[in-house]
Amino acid sequence: MPVVGDLRALLRLRDFRNLLAVRLFSQAADGVYQVALATYVVFSPEKQTSPAAIASAMAVLLLPYSAIGPFAGVLLDRWRRRQVFLYGNLLRALLACVTAVLIVIHVPDWLFYASALSVTAVNRFVLAGLAASLPHVVRADQLVTANALSPTAGTLAAVAGGGLAFLVRLLASGSNALVVLLGATLYLFAALVSLRLAIGLLGPDHRGGPEHPSLLEGIALTVRGMAEGLRHLAGRREAARALTAMTLMRFCYGALTVMLLMLCRYSWSDNESDGLALLGIAVGVSGAGFFAAALVTPWLVHRLGPLGWIVVCAAASAVLVPALGLFFAPGPMLVAAFVLGLATQGAKISTDTVLQSRVDDEFRGRVFSVYDVLFNIAFVGAAAVASLMLPADGRSVALLVSVALLYAATAGFLRRRRFT
């Protein structure tokens, strides 16, 4: 098969293998650290978890991507990217060790969150640097295959890291600090692997100079570019509608995620270990929905169009959320987790397709920066709203009905716009 041959050719490239190893260790560490943070906030025996605490944890995990992401490229065009991987991962290893100490000595939550926020903030530079470095280790005709292989492998590494974190926590009697130290070790491995890459190999080819703006000018250009991306998007109605629908559906998914966490913690289990095991099952089921979406979305988009498939995803969610969720029982909720994983990922794939095909190439990067910000802010905003509506046990008819109505409104908005 040609694809297999292309992959073999890539893996024969020493520098590509080393860059891929940096990604795998780095993203596996991210998966470990994110699970450690979530389980410390939600499943620690000494903590009485609230929806507000979950919302805070999600803000720590996601807001750095929204706040720092659009500006990361400005600095990555000035710093040697190999050094970003080396010092960025060393810094994250150190900060993760600090976080582990803070867990052990039971500091106030704000100090713990500040430490965790520092770790996740550095992550954006590393991920952006990995993407920017790829053209330096493969030929131009290999970029498509390399872009398919690297992010997919990184995602799988993050999932594997998360699974390893669940396992270590269960075997170590709920030791969140030990899980964080595991993440710190993987960050250290990522830093050490980066030493196998030459300092100047990954660029940037030109740092500063008359053809490059200053740092402050670069930041100003980034802000201006995002505003231009929004204006361009406003003139591409199909793209704007898809992005609006995806933002609303991401908001719904975020609110239901907080509800699921509270149900696993307080309603479906008598102890933290059982609740954590249920959460792991739910995450796996939702991931299966994401995988199913990758299989069926191309076929359905071909028949319904991308906006038509988003309508179906939103409408199905509007019907199934109350039908399955109002039982507040593990079985129906796991079915709902699969359906919502499929619907959310199906809508995202469709939205990506619309933006890639309807937005002019010169604006595409800026529009995707806007997309990235909206995607993460919607999830954090949903967590904040859910924290105001959810009781301690996570059973809220009002939240379920509100989310179902928002799904229905999203489907109605897209369907009406399609025929006007």
Protein backbone atom coordinates (compact mmCIF):
# COMPACT_ATOMS: atom_id res chain seq x y z
CA MET A 1 0.00 0.00 0.00
CA PRO A 2 1.33 3.50 -0.87
CA VAL A 3 0.46 4.92 2.56
CA VAL A 4 2.44 2.18 4.33
CA GLY A 5 5.37 2.91 2.08
CA ASP A 6 5.15 6.63 2.87
CA LEU A 7 5.11 5.91 6.60
CA ARG A 8 8.14 3.66 6.31
CA ALA A 9 9.99 6.36 4.40
CA LEU A 10 9.22 8.89 7.13
CA LEU A 11 10.30 6.60 9.94
CA ARG A 12 13.65 6.06 8.24
CA LEU A 13 14.39 9.77 8.74
CA ARG A 14 16.41 10.11 11.95
CA ASP A 15 15.44 13.72 12.68
CA PHE A 16 11.75 12.99 12.07
CA ARG A 17 11.91 10.05 14.48
CA ASN A 18 13.53 12.22 17.14
CA LEU A 19 10.97 15.00 16.69
CA LEU A 20 8.17 12.45 16.86
CA ALA A 21 9.67 11.02 20.07
CA VAL A 22 9.66 14.50 21.61
CA ARG A 23 5.97 14.77 20.75
CA LEU A 24 5.11 11.33 22.10
CA PHE A 25 6.82 11.84 25.46
CA SER A 26 5.52 15.39 25.76
CA GLN A 27 1.90 14.57 24.98
CA ALA A 28 1.95 11.40 27.08
CA ALA A 29 3.08 13.62 29.97
CA ASP A 30 0.25 16.04 29.16
CA GLY A 31 -2.25 13.18 29.41
CA VAL A 32 -0.82 12.09 32.76
CA TYR A 33 -0.80 15.61 34.14
CA GLN A 34 -4.34 16.43 33.02
CA VAL A 35 -5.73 13.27 34.61
CA ALA A 36 -3.77 13.99 37.79
CA LEU A 37 -5.20 17.50 37.98
CA ALA A 38 -8.76 16.35 37.29
CA THR A 39 -8.65 13.48 39.78
CA TYR A 40 -7.06 15.65 42.49
CA VAL A 41 -9.85 18.19 42.16
CA VAL A 42 -12.70 15.68 41.82
CA PHE A 43 -11.70 12.39 43.46
CA SER A 44 -9.41 13.21 46.37
CA PRO A 45 -10.90 11.79 49.61
CA GLU A 46 -9.84 14.86 51.59
CA LYS A 47 -11.60 17.29 49.23
CA GLN A 48 -15.31 18.01 49.03
CA THR A 49 -15.56 18.59 45.31
CA SER A 50 -17.96 21.21 44.01
CA PRO A 51 -18.97 22.11 40.45
CA ALA A 52 -17.13 25.40 40.96
CA ALA A 53 -13.90 23.49 41.69
CA ILE A 54 -14.35 21.47 38.50
CA ALA A 55 -14.93 24.68 36.54
CA SER A 56 -11.72 26.12 37.99
CA ALA A 57 -9.78 23.02 36.98
CA MET A 58 -11.10 23.20 33.42
CA ALA A 59 -10.15 26.86 33.25
CA VAL A 60 -6.60 25.96 34.32
CA LEU A 61 -6.41 23.24 31.66
CA LEU A 62 -7.91 25.16 28.74
CA LEU A 63 -7.64 28.92 29.14
CA PRO A 64 -3.86 29.04 28.51
CA TYR A 65 -4.57 27.60 25.06
CA SER A 66 -7.00 30.43 24.34
CA ALA A 67 -5.00 33.26 25.89
CA ILE A 68 -1.51 32.24 24.76
CA GLY A 69 -2.18 30.22 21.61
CA PRO A 70 -2.59 33.08 19.11
CA PHE A 71 0.60 34.74 20.34
CA ALA A 72 2.81 31.66 20.59
CA GLY A 73 3.94 31.98 16.99
CA VAL A 74 5.28 35.48 17.61
CA LEU A 75 7.80 34.14 20.12
CA LEU A 76 8.46 30.89 18.27
CA ASP A 77 9.68 32.98 15.33
CA ARG A 78 12.37 34.40 17.65
CA TRP A 79 13.44 31.40 19.75
CA ARG A 80 15.28 28.34 18.49
CA ARG A 81 12.60 25.67 18.54
CA ARG A 82 14.90 22.90 19.67
CA GLN A 83 15.69 25.02 22.72
CA VAL A 84 11.96 25.54 23.30
CA PHE A 85 11.56 21.75 23.52
CA LEU A 86 14.57 21.38 25.79
CA TYR A 87 13.96 24.20 28.24
CA GLY A 88 10.16 24.08 27.96
CA ASN A 89 10.02 20.43 28.97
CA LEU A 90 12.66 20.89 31.69
CA LEU A 91 10.61 23.78 33.06
CA ARG A 92 7.44 21.69 32.98
CA ALA A 93 9.20 18.83 34.76
CA LEU A 94 10.31 21.22 37.49
CA LEU A 95 6.89 22.86 37.81
CA ALA A 96 5.20 19.46 37.91
CA CYS A 97 7.46 18.49 40.82
CA VAL A 98 6.41 21.70 42.57
CA THR A 99 2.77 20.78 41.96
CA ALA A 100 3.36 17.35 43.50
CA VAL A 101 4.85 18.96 46.62
CA LEU A 102 1.88 21.33 46.86
CA ILE A 103 -0.48 18.35 46.74
CA VAL A 104 1.38 16.60 49.55
CA ILE A 105 1.49 19.61 51.90
CA HIS A 106 -2.16 20.57 51.20
CA VAL A 107 -1.73 24.20 50.24
CA PRO A 108 -4.67 26.54 49.49
CA ASP A 109 -6.37 25.79 46.19
CA TRP A 110 -5.34 29.08 44.55
CA LEU A 111 -1.65 28.22 44.96
CA PHE A 112 -2.17 24.74 43.53
CA TYR A 113 -4.04 26.18 40.55
CA ALA A 114 -1.29 28.76 39.95
CA SER A 115 1.30 25.97 39.77
CA ALA A 116 -0.87 23.85 37.47
CA LEU A 117 -1.59 26.86 35.26
CA SER A 118 2.15 27.42 34.80
CA VAL A 119 2.61 23.88 33.51
CA THR A 120 -0.26 24.04 31.02
CA ALA A 121 0.77 27.51 29.80
CA VAL A 122 4.16 26.21 28.63
CA ASN A 123 2.39 23.39 26.77
CA ARG A 124 1.08 25.71 24.07
CA PHE A 125 4.58 26.75 23.04
CA VAL A 126 5.73 23.14 22.80
CA LEU A 127 2.78 22.00 20.67
CA ALA A 128 3.00 25.01 18.35
CA GLY A 129 6.75 24.48 18.06
CA LEU A 130 6.27 20.85 17.07
CA ALA A 131 3.97 21.86 14.22
CA ALA A 132 6.31 24.64 13.05
CA SER A 133 9.35 22.34 13.13
CA LEU A 134 7.96 19.58 10.94
CA PRO A 135 8.95 21.12 7.55
CA HIS A 136 12.58 21.15 8.76
CA VAL A 137 12.77 17.35 9.13
CA VAL A 138 10.79 16.09 6.12
CA ARG A 139 10.62 16.95 2.43
CA ALA A 140 7.79 19.09 1.08
CA ASP A 141 6.20 16.09 -0.65
CA GLN A 142 6.13 14.21 2.67
CA LEU A 143 4.37 16.91 4.69
CA VAL A 144 0.83 15.61 4.21
CA THR A 145 1.71 12.14 5.51
CA ALA A 146 3.83 13.61 8.31
CA ASN A 147 0.98 15.92 9.36
CA ALA A 148 -1.37 12.94 9.45
CA LEU A 149 1.00 10.74 11.44
CA SER A 150 2.40 13.14 14.05
CA PRO A 151 -0.76 14.69 15.59
CA THR A 152 -2.57 11.33 15.54
CA ALA A 153 0.33 9.63 17.29
CA GLY A 154 0.47 12.50 19.79
CA THR A 155 -3.24 12.16 20.58
CA LEU A 156 -2.85 8.43 21.11
CA ALA A 157 0.14 9.12 23.39
CA ALA A 158 -1.96 11.54 25.45
CA VAL A 159 -4.73 8.95 25.78
CA ALA A 160 -2.19 6.31 26.76
CA GLY A 161 -0.69 8.70 29.30
CA GLY A 162 -4.12 9.34 30.76
CA GLY A 163 -4.80 5.62 31.00
CA LEU A 164 -1.44 5.07 32.70
CA ALA A 165 -2.29 7.84 35.18
CA PHE A 166 -5.61 6.16 36.04
CA LEU A 167 -3.80 2.86 36.56
CA VAL A 168 -1.04 4.32 38.74
CA ARG A 169 -3.54 6.20 40.88
CA LEU A 170 -5.63 3.09 41.46
CA LEU A 171 -2.57 0.97 42.29
CA ALA A 172 -1.01 3.63 44.51
CA SER A 173 -4.06 4.10 46.74
CA GLY A 174 -5.09 7.39 45.20
CA SER A 175 -1.69 9.11 45.29
CA ASN A 176 -2.18 12.16 43.07
CA ALA A 177 1.34 13.37 43.88
CA LEU A 178 2.85 10.15 42.53
CA VAL A 179 0.86 10.54 39.29
CA VAL A 180 2.12 14.11 38.89
CA LEU A 181 5.70 12.90 39.40
CA LEU A 182 5.13 10.35 36.64
CA GLY A 183 4.18 13.23 34.36
CA ALA A 184 7.29 15.13 35.44
CA THR A 185 9.42 12.11 34.50
CA LEU A 186 7.89 11.96 31.03
CA TYR A 187 8.50 15.69 30.56
CA LEU A 188 12.13 15.07 31.49
CA PHE A 189 12.38 12.27 28.91
CA ALA A 190 10.97 14.65 26.26
CA ALA A 191 13.66 17.20 27.13
CA LEU A 192 16.42 14.58 26.94
CA VAL A 193 15.22 13.28 23.56
CA SER A 194 15.27 16.83 22.18
CA LEU A 195 19.06 16.84 22.74
CA ARG A 196 19.32 14.38 19.84
CA LEU A 197 18.28 17.24 17.51
CA ALA A 198 20.82 19.83 16.36
CA ILE A 199 20.29 23.26 17.91
CA GLY A 200 19.73 25.09 14.62
CA LEU A 201 17.96 22.27 12.77
CA LEU A 202 14.36 23.25 13.52
CA GLY A 203 14.61 26.98 12.83
CA PRO A 204 13.47 29.64 12.75
CA ASP A 205 15.64 30.39 9.74
CA HIS A 206 15.53 34.14 10.39
CA ARG A 207 15.16 35.47 13.90
CA GLY A 208 14.41 39.19 14.03
CA GLY A 209 16.03 41.36 11.39
CA PRO A 210 14.53 44.11 9.27
CA GLU A 211 12.05 41.78 7.57
CA HIS A 212 10.57 40.73 10.93
CA PRO A 213 8.55 42.95 13.28
CA SER A 214 9.59 43.51 16.87
CA LEU A 215 7.96 41.50 19.64
CA LEU A 216 5.45 44.23 20.49
CA GLU A 217 4.74 44.80 16.80
CA GLY A 218 4.25 41.05 16.37
CA ILE A 219 1.73 40.95 19.21
CA ALA A 220 -0.12 43.93 17.75
CA LEU A 221 -0.14 42.22 14.35
CA THR A 222 -1.57 39.07 15.95
CA VAL A 223 -4.45 41.01 17.51
CA ARG A 224 -5.08 42.83 14.25
CA GLY A 225 -4.92 39.56 12.33
CA MET A 226 -7.58 37.93 14.49
CA ALA A 227 -9.84 40.95 13.95
CA GLU A 228 -9.28 40.63 10.20
CA GLY A 229 -10.07 36.92 10.43
CA LEU A 230 -13.38 37.72 12.12
CA ARG A 231 -14.25 40.24 9.41
CA HIS A 232 -13.40 37.74 6.71
CA LEU A 233 -15.47 35.09 8.46
CA ALA A 234 -18.45 37.45 8.62
CA GLY A 235 -18.44 37.53 4.83
CA ARG A 236 -18.42 33.71 4.55
CA ARG A 237 -21.87 32.83 5.86
CA GLU A 238 -21.60 29.05 5.67
CA ALA A 239 -18.31 29.09 7.56
CA ALA A 240 -19.66 31.53 10.16
CA ARG A 241 -22.76 29.40 10.72
CA ALA A 242 -20.74 26.22 11.12
CA LEU A 243 -18.40 27.90 13.61
CA THR A 244 -21.35 29.32 15.57
CA ALA A 245 -23.00 25.90 15.73
CA MET A 246 -19.77 24.19 16.79
CA THR A 247 -19.24 26.75 19.57
CA LEU A 248 -22.77 26.15 20.91
CA MET A 249 -22.37 22.37 20.75
CA ARG A 250 -19.01 22.58 22.52
CA PHE A 251 -20.73 24.62 25.25
CA CYS A 252 -23.35 21.88 25.67
CA TYR A 253 -20.69 19.17 25.79
CA GLY A 254 -18.77 21.08 28.45
CA ALA A 255 -21.82 21.47 30.69
CA LEU A 256 -22.63 17.77 30.43
CA THR A 257 -19.01 16.87 31.18
CA VAL A 258 -19.21 18.69 34.52
CA MET A 259 -22.49 16.90 35.29
CA LEU A 260 -20.89 13.54 34.48
CA LEU A 261 -17.95 14.25 36.80
CA MET A 262 -20.29 15.07 39.69
CA LEU A 263 -22.45 12.00 39.06
CA CYS A 264 -19.38 9.73 39.03
CA ARG A 265 -18.09 11.32 42.21
CA TYR A 266 -21.25 11.45 44.34
CA SER A 267 -24.23 9.65 42.79
CA TRP A 268 -22.94 6.44 41.25
CA SER A 269 -20.29 5.32 43.72
CA ASP A 270 -19.69 4.96 47.44
CA ASN A 271 -15.97 5.73 47.27
CA GLU A 272 -13.47 7.65 45.17
CA SER A 273 -11.92 4.57 43.52
CA ASP A 274 -15.24 3.32 42.17
CA GLY A 275 -16.12 6.79 40.96
CA LEU A 276 -12.78 7.14 39.23
CA ALA A 277 -13.24 3.76 37.53
CA LEU A 278 -16.67 4.85 36.28
CA LEU A 279 -15.19 8.07 34.96
CA GLY A 280 -12.50 6.12 33.12
CA ILE A 281 -15.19 3.95 31.49
CA ALA A 282 -17.19 7.03 30.51
CA VAL A 283 -14.12 8.68 28.96
CA GLY A 284 -13.40 5.49 27.02
CA VAL A 285 -17.00 5.27 25.77
CA SER A 286 -16.96 8.91 24.71
CA GLY A 287 -13.65 8.28 22.94
CA ALA A 288 -15.27 5.40 21.07
CA GLY A 289 -17.90 7.90 19.92
CA PHE A 290 -15.12 10.18 18.65
CA PHE A 291 -13.62 7.25 16.73
CA ALA A 292 -17.01 6.30 15.29
CA ALA A 293 -17.47 9.89 14.12
CA ALA A 294 -14.19 9.70 12.19
CA LEU A 295 -15.52 6.61 10.40
CA VAL A 296 -19.04 7.75 9.51
CA THR A 297 -18.66 11.51 9.03
CA PRO A 298 -17.02 11.46 5.55
CA TRP A 299 -19.81 9.23 4.22
CA LEU A 300 -22.59 11.29 5.78
CA VAL A 301 -21.09 14.64 4.80
CA HIS A 302 -20.97 13.38 1.20
CA ARG A 303 -24.74 12.72 1.35
CA LEU A 304 -26.01 15.48 3.63
CA GLY A 305 -23.40 18.17 3.23
CA PRO A 306 -21.36 19.40 6.21
CA LEU A 307 -24.07 21.70 7.55
CA GLY A 308 -26.71 19.00 7.07
CA TRP A 309 -24.66 16.55 9.13
CA ILE A 310 -24.19 19.15 11.88
CA VAL A 311 -27.98 19.61 11.93
CA VAL A 312 -28.43 15.86 12.39
CA CYS A 313 -25.81 15.78 15.17
CA ALA A 314 -27.43 18.67 17.04
CA ALA A 315 -30.98 17.38 16.58
CA ALA A 316 -30.06 13.85 17.70
CA SER A 317 -28.39 15.30 20.79
CA ALA A 318 -31.45 17.40 21.56
CA VAL A 319 -33.62 14.28 21.57
CA LEU A 320 -31.25 11.85 23.27
CA VAL A 321 -29.90 14.09 26.05
CA PRO A 322 -33.21 14.21 27.98
CA ALA A 323 -34.28 10.72 26.85
CA LEU A 324 -31.15 9.13 28.31
CA GLY A 325 -29.97 11.67 30.85
CA LEU A 326 -33.11 12.09 32.92
CA PHE A 327 -32.64 8.58 34.30
CA PHE A 328 -29.43 9.81 36.01
CA ALA A 329 -28.24 6.20 35.86
CA PRO A 330 -24.85 4.90 34.67
CA GLY A 331 -26.14 2.70 31.82
CA PRO A 332 -28.18 5.32 29.95
CA MET A 333 -25.54 7.97 30.65
CA LEU A 334 -22.83 5.82 29.08
CA VAL A 335 -24.98 5.47 25.97
CA ALA A 336 -25.40 9.24 25.99
CA ALA A 337 -21.62 9.67 26.36
CA PHE A 338 -21.09 7.62 23.19
CA VAL A 339 -23.75 9.52 21.25
CA LEU A 340 -22.49 12.91 22.38
CA GLY A 341 -18.90 11.93 21.57
CA LEU A 342 -20.00 10.95 18.07
CA ALA A 343 -22.16 14.07 17.60
CA THR A 344 -19.60 16.53 18.93
CA GLN A 345 -16.70 15.10 16.95
CA GLY A 346 -18.86 14.73 13.84
CA ALA A 347 -19.79 18.41 14.09
CA LYS A 348 -16.14 19.36 14.62
CA ILE A 349 -14.92 17.41 11.59
CA SER A 350 -17.65 19.05 9.52
CA THR A 351 -16.77 22.50 10.84
CA ASP A 352 -13.09 21.96 10.06
CA THR A 353 -14.05 20.94 6.53
CA VAL A 354 -16.25 24.01 6.00
CA LEU A 355 -13.57 26.39 7.28
CA GLN A 356 -10.87 24.77 5.16
CA SER A 357 -13.00 24.92 2.00
CA ARG A 358 -14.82 28.24 2.43
CA VAL A 359 -12.15 30.47 3.96
CA ASP A 360 -9.48 31.99 1.71
CA ASP A 361 -6.04 30.53 2.25
CA GLU A 362 -4.47 33.83 3.29
CA PHE A 363 -7.00 34.13 6.14
CA ARG A 364 -7.19 30.48 7.12
CA GLY A 365 -4.60 30.60 9.89
CA ARG A 366 -6.23 33.62 11.50
CA VAL A 367 -9.70 32.10 11.29
CA PHE A 368 -8.46 28.88 12.89
CA SER A 369 -6.91 30.95 15.69
CA VAL A 370 -10.37 32.43 16.32
CA TYR A 371 -11.81 28.91 16.15
CA ASP A 372 -9.29 27.65 18.72
CA VAL A 373 -10.13 30.47 21.14
CA LEU A 374 -13.90 30.00 20.80
CA PHE A 375 -13.61 26.22 21.13
CA ASN A 376 -11.84 26.39 24.48
CA ILE A 377 -13.69 29.39 25.92
CA ALA A 378 -17.03 27.69 25.16
CA PHE A 379 -15.99 24.66 27.21
CA VAL A 380 -14.76 26.75 30.15
CA GLY A 381 -17.83 28.98 30.00
CA ALA A 382 -20.06 25.92 30.07
CA ALA A 383 -18.26 24.65 33.16
CA ALA A 384 -18.83 27.99 34.84
CA VAL A 385 -22.57 27.99 34.01
CA ALA A 386 -22.92 24.37 35.12
CA SER A 387 -21.26 25.22 38.43
CA LEU A 388 -24.11 27.65 39.12
CA MET A 389 -26.86 25.18 38.19
CA LEU A 390 -25.66 21.82 39.49
CA PRO A 391 -26.38 20.52 43.00
CA ALA A 392 -23.66 18.62 44.84
CA ASP A 393 -24.79 15.22 43.51
CA GLY A 394 -24.87 16.37 39.88
CA ARG A 395 -28.57 15.63 39.31
CA SER A 396 -30.08 18.68 37.60
CA VAL A 397 -33.16 18.40 35.42
CA ALA A 398 -32.90 22.11 34.67
CA LEU A 399 -29.39 21.75 33.22
CA LEU A 400 -30.35 18.75 31.08
CA VAL A 401 -33.41 20.49 29.68
CA SER A 402 -31.47 23.70 29.04
CA VAL A 403 -28.77 21.82 27.16
CA ALA A 404 -31.35 19.91 25.11
CA LEU A 405 -33.06 23.19 24.18
CA LEU A 406 -29.73 24.70 23.16
CA TYR A 407 -28.99 21.69 20.95
CA ALA A 408 -32.46 22.05 19.38
CA ALA A 409 -31.93 25.78 18.84
CA THR A 410 -28.60 25.05 17.15
CA ALA A 411 -30.22 22.55 14.78
CA GLY A 412 -33.06 24.98 14.05
CA PHE A 413 -30.66 27.87 13.42
CA LEU A 414 -28.62 25.88 10.91
CA ARG A 415 -31.61 24.30 9.18
CA ARG A 416 -33.40 27.62 8.76
CA ARG A 417 -30.27 29.30 7.44
CA ARG A 418 -29.64 26.50 4.95
CA PHE A 419 -32.89 27.22 3.18
CA THR A 420 -32.81 31.05 3.28
